Protein backbone atom coordinates (compact mmCIF):
# COMPACT_ATOMS: atom_id res chain seq x y z
CA UNK A 1 -60.09 -98.47 -66.82
CA UNK A 2 -60.89 -99.28 -63.15
CA UNK A 3 -63.26 -101.67 -61.55
CA UNK A 4 -64.89 -100.63 -58.37
CA UNK A 5 -67.77 -102.34 -56.48
CA UNK A 6 -68.71 -104.29 -59.50
CA UNK A 7 -69.06 -101.29 -61.80
CA UNK A 8 -66.72 -100.56 -64.67
CA UNK A 9 -65.90 -96.86 -65.22
CA UNK A 10 -63.53 -95.12 -67.67
CA UNK A 11 -62.80 -92.28 -65.36
CA UNK A 12 -64.56 -88.95 -65.74
CA UNK A 13 -67.93 -89.14 -67.31
CA UNK A 14 -68.17 -88.02 -70.91
CA UNK A 15 -70.71 -85.27 -71.65
CA UNK A 16 -73.83 -86.19 -73.67
CA UNK A 17 -72.76 -83.90 -76.49
CA UNK A 18 -69.35 -85.62 -76.67
CA UNK A 19 -70.91 -89.07 -76.82
CA UNK A 20 -73.16 -87.98 -79.69
CA UNK A 21 -70.18 -86.37 -81.45
CA UNK A 22 -68.20 -89.56 -81.15
CA UNK A 23 -71.06 -91.59 -82.55
CA UNK A 24 -71.45 -89.26 -85.62
CA UNK A 25 -67.73 -89.52 -86.28
CA UNK A 26 -67.77 -93.29 -86.15
CA UNK A 27 -70.79 -93.73 -88.42
CA UNK A 28 -70.88 -90.52 -90.45
CA UNK A 29 -74.26 -91.07 -91.88
CA UNK A 30 -77.92 -90.59 -90.95
CA UNK A 31 -77.69 -93.99 -89.35
CA UNK A 32 -75.39 -92.58 -86.67
CA UNK A 33 -78.12 -93.05 -84.01
CA UNK A 34 -79.03 -96.63 -85.14
CA UNK A 35 -79.43 -98.98 -82.33
CA UNK A 36 -77.76 -102.29 -81.89
CA UNK A 37 -78.62 -105.44 -80.01
CA UNK A 38 -75.65 -105.23 -77.70
CA UNK A 39 -74.64 -102.85 -74.85
CA UNK A 40 -71.22 -101.67 -73.89
CA UNK A 41 -69.05 -103.35 -71.36
CA UNK A 42 -69.60 -100.48 -68.84
CA UNK A 43 -73.40 -100.76 -69.30
CA UNK A 44 -73.16 -104.49 -68.77
CA UNK A 45 -71.77 -103.89 -65.36
CA UNK A 46 -74.76 -101.70 -64.47
CA UNK A 47 -77.12 -104.29 -65.92
CA UNK A 48 -75.54 -106.97 -63.75
CA UNK A 49 -77.76 -105.65 -60.93
CA UNK A 50 -80.35 -103.52 -62.82
CA UNK A 51 -81.50 -106.28 -65.17
CA UNK A 52 -82.59 -108.42 -62.15
CA UNK A 53 -86.33 -108.83 -62.13
CA UNK A 54 -87.82 -107.56 -58.98
CA UNK A 55 -85.04 -105.11 -58.01
CA UNK A 56 -86.76 -102.36 -56.04
CA UNK A 57 -85.98 -99.56 -53.59
CA UNK A 58 -88.04 -98.60 -50.61
CA UNK A 59 -89.11 -95.05 -50.36
CA UNK A 60 -90.10 -92.64 -47.58
CA UNK A 61 -93.84 -92.91 -48.40
CA UNK A 62 -93.74 -96.66 -47.92
CA UNK A 63 -93.90 -97.63 -51.61
CA UNK A 64 -91.24 -99.42 -53.42
CA UNK A 65 -89.78 -98.14 -56.82
CA UNK A 66 -88.64 -100.51 -59.46
CA UNK A 67 -84.97 -100.32 -60.49
CA UNK A 68 -85.35 -102.86 -63.12
CA UNK A 69 -84.04 -102.13 -66.60
CA UNK A 70 -84.97 -104.62 -69.49
CA UNK A 71 -81.67 -105.61 -71.08
CA UNK A 72 -83.08 -106.31 -74.54
CA UNK A 73 -85.23 -103.14 -74.53
CA UNK A 74 -82.31 -100.93 -73.52
CA UNK A 75 -80.06 -102.46 -76.15
CA UNK A 76 -82.72 -101.71 -78.76
CA UNK A 77 -83.49 -98.23 -77.65
CA UNK A 78 -82.36 -94.93 -79.13
CA UNK A 79 -80.57 -94.16 -75.75
CA UNK A 80 -78.34 -97.16 -75.79
CA UNK A 81 -75.73 -95.32 -77.68
CA UNK A 82 -75.52 -92.80 -74.80
CA UNK A 83 -74.92 -95.43 -72.22
CA UNK A 84 -75.98 -95.32 -68.65
CA UNK A 85 -73.65 -92.57 -67.79
CA UNK A 86 -75.02 -90.40 -70.52
CA UNK A 87 -78.05 -89.71 -68.32
CA UNK A 88 -76.93 -90.77 -64.86
CA UNK A 89 -73.85 -88.50 -64.75
CA UNK A 90 -74.51 -87.76 -61.00
CA UNK A 91 -73.81 -91.42 -60.22
CA UNK A 92 -70.23 -92.12 -59.16
CA UNK A 93 -69.51 -95.79 -59.83
CA UNK A 94 -66.85 -95.84 -57.02
CA UNK A 95 -69.63 -94.97 -54.59
CA UNK A 96 -72.42 -96.92 -55.93
CA UNK A 97 -74.94 -98.13 -54.76
CA UNK A 98 -75.68 -95.22 -52.59
CA UNK A 99 -78.05 -95.36 -49.68
CA UNK A 100 -79.95 -92.36 -51.00
CA UNK A 101 -83.29 -91.47 -49.30
CA UNK A 102 -86.09 -90.86 -51.81
CA UNK A 103 -89.33 -89.40 -50.51
CA UNK A 104 -91.62 -90.79 -53.27
CA UNK A 105 -91.52 -91.91 -56.91
CA UNK A 106 -93.12 -88.68 -58.26
CA UNK A 107 -90.57 -86.27 -56.73
CA UNK A 108 -87.69 -88.43 -57.75
CA UNK A 109 -88.97 -88.70 -61.34
CA UNK A 110 -89.47 -84.84 -61.54
CA UNK A 111 -85.87 -84.37 -60.36
CA UNK A 112 -84.42 -86.87 -62.68
CA UNK A 113 -86.28 -85.61 -65.79
CA UNK A 114 -84.18 -82.38 -65.62
CA UNK A 115 -81.27 -84.34 -67.39
CA UNK A 116 -83.57 -84.67 -70.52
CA UNK A 117 -83.07 -80.91 -71.10
CA UNK A 118 -79.38 -81.58 -71.96
CA UNK A 119 -80.46 -83.05 -75.32
CA UNK A 120 -84.09 -81.97 -75.66
CA UNK A 121 -84.07 -78.23 -74.80
CA UNK A 122 -86.39 -77.25 -77.56
CA UNK A 123 -89.00 -79.90 -76.44
CA UNK A 124 -88.67 -78.66 -72.89
CA UNK A 125 -89.52 -75.12 -73.95
CA UNK A 126 -92.72 -76.35 -75.42
CA UNK A 127 -93.49 -78.61 -72.33
CA UNK A 128 -92.73 -75.81 -69.80
CA UNK A 129 -95.78 -73.83 -71.15
CA UNK A 130 -98.07 -76.89 -71.32
CA UNK A 131 -101.02 -77.89 -69.09
CA UNK A 132 -98.92 -81.02 -68.15
CA UNK A 133 -96.16 -78.86 -66.69
CA UNK A 134 -98.75 -76.69 -64.91
CA UNK A 135 -100.10 -79.84 -63.26
CA UNK A 136 -96.59 -80.77 -62.21
CA UNK A 137 -95.94 -77.36 -60.68
CA UNK A 138 -99.23 -77.56 -58.79
CA UNK A 139 -98.13 -80.68 -57.05
CA UNK A 140 -100.32 -83.14 -58.87
CA UNK A 141 -98.77 -86.43 -58.28
CA UNK A 142 -100.36 -87.95 -61.33
CA UNK A 143 -99.17 -85.23 -63.78
CA UNK A 144 -97.15 -86.57 -66.64
CA UNK A 145 -93.44 -85.83 -67.02
CA UNK A 146 -90.98 -87.12 -69.64
CA UNK A 147 -90.74 -90.74 -68.46
CA UNK A 148 -94.51 -91.13 -68.25
CA UNK A 149 -94.69 -90.84 -71.93
CA UNK A 150 -91.17 -91.94 -73.01
CA UNK A 151 -89.69 -94.73 -71.04
CA UNK A 152 -86.08 -93.66 -70.91
CA UNK A 153 -84.64 -97.06 -70.96
CA UNK A 154 -86.66 -98.50 -73.89
CA UNK A 155 -87.52 -95.41 -75.90
CA UNK A 156 -87.86 -95.90 -79.64
CA UNK A 157 -87.89 -93.61 -82.63
CA UNK A 158 -91.21 -91.80 -83.13
CA UNK A 159 -91.63 -93.56 -86.52
CA UNK A 160 -91.87 -96.96 -84.82
CA UNK A 161 -94.90 -96.13 -82.70
CA UNK A 162 -98.16 -97.78 -83.78
CA UNK A 163 -101.04 -95.16 -83.64
CA UNK A 164 -103.53 -97.94 -82.95
CA UNK A 165 -101.87 -98.64 -79.65
CA UNK A 166 -102.83 -95.20 -78.34
CA UNK A 167 -99.43 -94.84 -76.62
CA UNK A 168 -98.70 -92.72 -74.76
CA UNK A 169 -101.87 -90.62 -74.51
CA UNK A 170 -104.17 -93.60 -73.89
CA UNK A 171 -102.39 -94.37 -70.63
CA UNK A 172 -104.09 -91.29 -69.02
CA UNK A 173 -106.90 -90.58 -71.56
CA UNK A 174 -108.24 -94.01 -72.29
CA UNK A 175 -111.85 -92.94 -72.53
CA UNK A 176 -111.10 -90.08 -74.76
CA UNK A 177 -108.90 -92.29 -77.01
CA UNK A 178 -111.65 -94.89 -77.38
CA UNK A 179 -114.02 -92.10 -78.44
CA UNK A 180 -111.41 -90.86 -81.00
CA UNK A 181 -110.86 -94.37 -82.26
CA UNK A 182 -114.63 -94.75 -83.16
CA UNK A 183 -114.91 -91.24 -84.68
CA UNK A 184 -114.45 -90.20 -88.33
CA UNK A 185 -110.87 -89.21 -87.61
CA UNK A 186 -110.09 -92.35 -85.77
CA UNK A 187 -111.51 -94.70 -88.34
CA UNK A 188 -109.66 -92.83 -91.19
CA UNK A 189 -106.34 -92.98 -89.19
CA UNK A 190 -106.46 -96.35 -87.44
CA UNK A 191 -108.79 -98.33 -89.67
CA UNK A 192 -107.96 -97.13 -93.16
CA UNK A 193 -104.38 -95.97 -92.45
CA UNK A 194 -104.90 -92.51 -94.03
CA UNK A 195 -101.66 -90.65 -93.23
CA UNK A 196 -103.28 -87.26 -93.40
CA UNK A 197 -106.01 -88.08 -90.86
CA UNK A 198 -105.23 -86.41 -87.53
CA UNK A 199 -103.92 -88.10 -84.56
CA UNK A 200 -103.77 -86.80 -80.99
CA UNK A 201 -100.62 -84.62 -81.33
CA UNK A 202 -101.94 -83.06 -84.62
CA UNK A 203 -104.68 -81.30 -82.63
CA UNK A 204 -103.29 -81.10 -79.19
CA UNK A 205 -99.42 -80.91 -79.79
CA UNK A 206 -97.14 -83.52 -78.37
CA UNK A 207 -95.25 -81.43 -75.85
CA UNK A 208 -96.92 -77.94 -75.81
CA UNK A 209 -100.20 -79.39 -74.77
CA UNK A 210 -102.65 -76.56 -73.80
CA UNK A 211 -105.95 -76.44 -71.94
CA UNK A 212 -107.96 -76.73 -75.17
CA UNK A 213 -111.28 -75.83 -73.69
CA UNK A 214 -110.08 -72.50 -72.41
CA UNK A 215 -109.75 -70.71 -75.79
CA UNK A 216 -110.56 -70.95 -79.45
CA UNK A 217 -107.42 -72.61 -80.62
CA UNK A 218 -109.06 -75.94 -81.48
CA UNK A 219 -111.42 -74.18 -83.90
CA UNK A 220 -108.35 -72.83 -85.67
CA UNK A 221 -106.92 -76.30 -85.62
CA UNK A 222 -110.11 -77.68 -87.32
CA UNK A 223 -110.10 -74.96 -89.92
CA UNK A 224 -106.32 -75.65 -90.72
CA UNK A 225 -107.33 -78.95 -92.29
CA UNK A 226 -110.96 -78.06 -93.30
CA UNK A 227 -109.98 -74.88 -95.10
CA UNK A 228 -113.20 -74.80 -97.06
CA UNK A 229 -115.40 -75.04 -94.05
CA UNK A 230 -116.17 -71.40 -93.79
CA UNK A 231 -117.41 -71.03 -97.36
CA UNK A 232 -119.28 -74.39 -97.01
CA UNK A 233 -121.15 -73.06 -93.93
CA UNK A 234 -121.90 -69.74 -95.66
CA UNK A 235 -123.90 -71.56 -98.32
CA UNK A 236 -126.59 -72.90 -96.10
CA UNK A 237 -126.23 -71.68 -92.51
CA UNK A 238 -127.93 -68.33 -91.70
CA UNK A 239 -125.45 -66.01 -90.03
CA UNK A 240 -122.71 -68.56 -90.21
CA UNK A 241 -120.01 -66.20 -88.87
CA UNK A 242 -121.87 -65.84 -85.54
CA UNK A 243 -122.48 -69.51 -85.30
CA UNK A 244 -118.80 -70.41 -85.81
CA UNK A 245 -117.87 -67.86 -83.18
CA UNK A 246 -120.44 -69.03 -80.51
CA UNK A 247 -120.80 -72.64 -81.25
CA UNK A 248 -118.06 -75.22 -80.74
CA UNK A 249 -117.43 -77.44 -83.78
CA UNK A 250 -118.34 -80.74 -81.93
CA UNK A 251 -121.68 -79.23 -80.84
CA UNK A 252 -122.96 -79.91 -84.45
CA UNK A 253 -120.36 -82.53 -85.59
CA UNK A 254 -120.90 -84.88 -82.51
CA UNK A 255 -124.59 -85.34 -83.21
CA UNK A 256 -125.27 -87.65 -80.31
CA UNK A 257 -123.51 -85.42 -77.73
CA UNK A 258 -125.28 -83.56 -74.89
CA UNK A 259 -125.13 -79.89 -75.34
CA UNK A 260 -124.99 -76.91 -72.83
CA UNK A 261 -124.29 -73.31 -72.72
CA UNK A 262 -121.16 -71.92 -70.90
CA UNK A 263 -121.18 -68.18 -70.09
CA UNK A 264 -117.46 -67.16 -69.89
CA UNK A 265 -116.35 -64.30 -67.88
CA UNK A 266 -114.22 -62.51 -70.52
CA UNK A 267 -111.87 -59.59 -70.15
CA UNK A 268 -112.48 -57.49 -73.26
CA UNK A 269 -109.20 -55.60 -72.65
CA UNK A 270 -106.84 -58.60 -72.66
CA UNK A 271 -109.11 -60.65 -74.82
CA UNK A 272 -108.74 -63.58 -72.58
CA UNK A 273 -110.87 -65.57 -70.05
CA UNK A 274 -110.94 -63.96 -66.65
CA UNK A 275 -108.42 -65.80 -64.43
CA UNK A 276 -109.73 -66.82 -61.01
CA UNK A 277 -107.83 -65.08 -58.29
CA UNK A 278 -107.25 -66.71 -54.89
CA UNK A 279 -110.34 -64.90 -53.52
CA UNK A 280 -112.73 -65.80 -56.34
CA UNK A 281 -114.43 -68.80 -54.74
CA UNK A 282 -114.98 -66.79 -51.50
CA UNK A 283 -116.52 -63.88 -53.46
CA UNK A 284 -118.69 -66.25 -55.43
CA UNK A 285 -119.92 -67.79 -52.21
CA UNK A 286 -120.80 -64.44 -50.78
CA UNK A 287 -122.95 -63.78 -53.87
CA UNK A 288 -124.52 -67.22 -54.29
CA UNK A 289 -125.19 -67.62 -50.64
CA UNK A 290 -127.60 -70.65 -51.04
CA UNK A 291 -124.97 -72.39 -53.20
CA UNK A 292 -127.73 -73.49 -55.59
CA UNK A 293 -126.31 -71.96 -58.76
CA UNK A 294 -126.28 -68.39 -59.93
CA UNK A 295 -129.52 -66.83 -60.66
CA UNK A 296 -129.75 -63.77 -63.01
CA UNK A 297 -129.21 -61.13 -60.40
CA UNK A 298 -126.42 -63.06 -58.74
CA UNK A 299 -124.77 -63.44 -62.10
CA UNK A 300 -125.05 -59.68 -62.64
CA UNK A 301 -123.55 -59.09 -59.28
CA UNK A 302 -120.64 -61.44 -60.05
CA UNK A 303 -119.92 -59.57 -63.36
CA UNK A 304 -120.17 -56.28 -61.68
CA UNK A 305 -117.76 -57.27 -58.85
CA UNK A 306 -115.29 -58.78 -61.22
CA UNK A 307 -115.37 -55.76 -63.48
CA UNK A 308 -114.48 -53.49 -60.60
CA UNK A 309 -111.17 -55.24 -60.29
CA UNK A 310 -110.46 -54.92 -63.99
CA UNK A 311 -111.52 -51.36 -64.81
CA UNK A 312 -114.93 -52.39 -66.05
CA UNK A 313 -113.70 -54.59 -68.87
CA UNK A 314 -115.45 -57.83 -68.03
CA UNK A 315 -118.25 -59.07 -70.08
CA UNK A 316 -120.07 -62.52 -70.66
CA UNK A 317 -119.38 -64.47 -73.76
CA UNK A 318 -121.82 -67.35 -74.42
CA UNK A 319 -120.82 -70.49 -76.14
CA UNK A 320 -122.65 -73.64 -77.05
CA UNK A 321 -120.63 -76.70 -76.20
CA UNK A 322 -120.74 -80.49 -75.79
CA UNK A 323 -120.94 -81.98 -72.34
CA UNK A 324 -117.54 -83.61 -72.00
CA UNK A 325 -114.17 -84.13 -73.62
CA UNK A 326 -115.27 -87.69 -74.54
CA UNK A 327 -118.16 -86.33 -76.51
CA UNK A 328 -115.88 -83.72 -78.18
CA UNK A 329 -113.93 -86.57 -79.77
CA UNK A 330 -117.03 -88.49 -81.08
CA UNK A 331 -116.89 -86.67 -84.39
CA UNK A 332 -119.18 -88.12 -87.12
CA UNK A 333 -119.20 -88.05 -90.84
CA UNK A 334 -120.15 -84.67 -92.45
CA UNK A 335 -123.58 -85.79 -93.56
CA UNK A 336 -124.41 -86.94 -90.07
CA UNK A 337 -123.78 -83.41 -88.56
CA UNK A 338 -126.75 -81.49 -86.96
CA UNK A 339 -128.34 -79.34 -89.62
CA UNK A 340 -131.78 -78.86 -88.09
CA UNK A 341 -132.03 -75.33 -86.75
CA UNK A 342 -134.83 -76.47 -84.44
CA UNK A 343 -132.31 -78.46 -82.47
CA UNK A 344 -131.44 -75.26 -80.65
CA UNK A 345 -133.70 -72.53 -81.96
CA UNK A 346 -136.96 -73.46 -80.41
CA UNK A 347 -138.64 -72.94 -77.04
CA UNK A 348 -137.46 -75.42 -74.38
CA UNK A 349 -134.46 -76.68 -76.58
CA UNK A 350 -132.45 -79.07 -74.53
CA UNK A 351 -129.04 -77.22 -74.85
CA UNK A 352 -130.33 -74.15 -72.87
CA UNK A 353 -131.47 -76.43 -69.94
CA UNK A 354 -127.79 -76.71 -68.78
CA UNK A 355 -125.88 -73.51 -68.01
CA UNK A 356 -122.56 -72.78 -66.45
CA UNK A 357 -120.42 -69.81 -65.83
CA UNK A 358 -116.68 -70.22 -66.18
CA UNK A 359 -113.35 -68.68 -65.49
CA UNK A 360 -109.79 -69.68 -66.15
CA UNK A 361 -108.19 -71.77 -63.33
CA UNK A 362 -104.62 -71.59 -62.20
CA UNK A 363 -103.46 -74.31 -64.58
CA UNK A 364 -105.23 -72.75 -67.58
CA UNK A 365 -108.23 -75.08 -67.63
CA UNK A 366 -111.72 -73.68 -67.20
CA UNK A 367 -113.47 -73.85 -63.85
CA UNK A 368 -117.17 -74.04 -64.30
CA UNK A 369 -119.89 -72.93 -61.80
CA UNK A 370 -123.57 -73.83 -62.03
CA UNK A 371 -126.10 -71.20 -63.07
CA UNK A 372 -129.88 -71.28 -63.46
CA UNK A 373 -131.46 -71.61 -66.88
CA UNK A 374 -133.09 -68.26 -66.44
CA UNK A 375 -129.82 -66.48 -66.81
CA UNK A 376 -130.07 -66.99 -70.62
CA UNK A 377 -133.38 -65.15 -70.81
CA UNK A 378 -132.58 -62.51 -68.41
CA UNK A 379 -131.66 -58.95 -69.41
CA UNK A 380 -128.64 -59.28 -67.26
CA UNK A 381 -126.99 -61.75 -69.68
CA UNK A 382 -128.49 -60.33 -72.85
CA UNK A 383 -125.05 -59.76 -74.34
CA UNK A 384 -124.41 -63.51 -74.24
CA UNK A 385 -127.92 -64.44 -75.43
CA UNK A 386 -127.30 -62.23 -78.42
CA UNK A 387 -124.43 -64.51 -79.29
CA UNK A 388 -127.04 -67.23 -80.01
CA UNK A 389 -130.03 -65.29 -81.17
CA UNK A 390 -128.84 -62.45 -83.45
CA UNK A 391 -131.67 -60.38 -84.88
CA UNK A 392 -132.36 -61.55 -88.43
CA UNK A 393 -130.00 -64.45 -88.09
CA UNK A 394 -132.57 -67.11 -87.43
CA UNK A 395 -135.66 -68.30 -89.11
CA UNK A 396 -137.70 -68.05 -85.96
CA UNK A 397 -139.16 -64.40 -85.75
CA UNK A 398 -140.35 -64.53 -82.19
CA UNK A 399 -136.71 -64.97 -81.13
CA UNK A 400 -135.81 -61.67 -82.82
CA UNK A 401 -138.69 -59.90 -80.88
CA UNK A 402 -137.52 -61.40 -77.71
CA UNK A 403 -133.97 -60.24 -78.36
CA UNK A 404 -134.95 -56.73 -79.00
CA UNK A 405 -137.08 -56.60 -75.82
CA UNK A 406 -134.12 -58.08 -73.92
CA UNK A 407 -131.79 -55.40 -75.26
CA UNK A 408 -134.22 -52.59 -74.24
CA UNK A 409 -134.51 -54.14 -70.70
CA UNK A 410 -130.73 -54.58 -70.50
CA UNK A 411 -130.30 -50.88 -71.19
CA UNK A 412 -133.05 -50.03 -68.80
CA UNK A 413 -131.64 -51.75 -65.68
CA UNK A 414 -128.47 -49.71 -65.42
CA UNK A 415 -130.29 -46.55 -66.37
CA UNK A 416 -132.82 -47.16 -63.61
CA UNK A 417 -130.14 -47.98 -61.12
CA UNK A 418 -128.23 -44.70 -61.96
CA UNK A 419 -131.46 -42.69 -61.69
CA UNK A 420 -132.33 -44.17 -58.24
CA UNK A 421 -128.89 -43.41 -57.00
CA UNK A 422 -129.14 -39.80 -58.07
CA UNK A 423 -132.49 -39.38 -56.46
CA UNK A 424 -131.38 -40.96 -53.23
CA UNK A 425 -128.33 -38.62 -53.09
CA UNK A 426 -130.55 -35.57 -53.49
CA UNK A 427 -132.89 -36.73 -50.77
CA UNK A 428 -129.75 -37.21 -48.48
């Protein structure tokens, strides 16, 4: 053992796997990773400086990064058995402290989090495909990495976390968590302690967090718990299959939410939302020159131009949704859900006054663009209107007539366009 510059070292650093193996051999039971209230002599040397309150390092961007480690918290953490060198293997005690230049805390944290892969490779595979990782890759300074959710120096077993605290999700999604806490799910989980009630990670996954609004995965999550929901809707809801396809669950089960229609540009060949290419915004601006929202003919032009790039596979898929992520979490008791068809199926219904057109952004989240209300009653978007008003599927007969007329008009526009082109060619 040597002592250099106030730091004790035992020579070459042990690998993480070697430290874990040693711990297992010493204990030999499931308690091998049990924490203690003490730290090793080598770690004590590190904590001589790093346990000092207010210890900070100046960075290139002018901010100061804390280098403080809580001694008691570290001693009680699951990482204490690894010791400081278990993660900080790039630190040479004989050359520490190093006058290392750090640009900013975000860049430093991303670099340092790579060491987590040594023990948590499986979790990293999930994280690498997540919306969080996409945000990090895009340069978002506020995007979460390992240490944002798991303080590496005081991390505890997952079983010790109190769901009511909202950690770690609430740190970034406080308004959403508060909505969840007041919902039927939150009251069951946090108030009544029902173990089977869903928490954040049950619906959104802990590490493989996806852009939930971009696909239909959450509907499948709902049905994984509410396995009798399909049959239950069949008993009272006309054309229930179409409703479950075109209406998001919270649109009915968050009764106080604002509702709107989103027309998704959908690639019927890949069965995915159309991804916005780098020139999409420019193309959209050339179509909606006034920038006041897409009117029916501008929407038709957008679909046509986008289809050209994808061999004519782009269509519109309409979906009735709630106004925000907060409202999507304000789920009510079953008997409070919307059951009145007139909420949507009547002239001037509020949900159809707000219309957007969406594509998939670079990070997987939907990017929405405003559209005029008339796009829903236009022959141009008749395919999407059909998703809401299927002939024979409602109790309002006038809607069936309007739908049939819309279909005929929808077929007539391309036919007339083709005829005019043929006639103009002959004249030429």
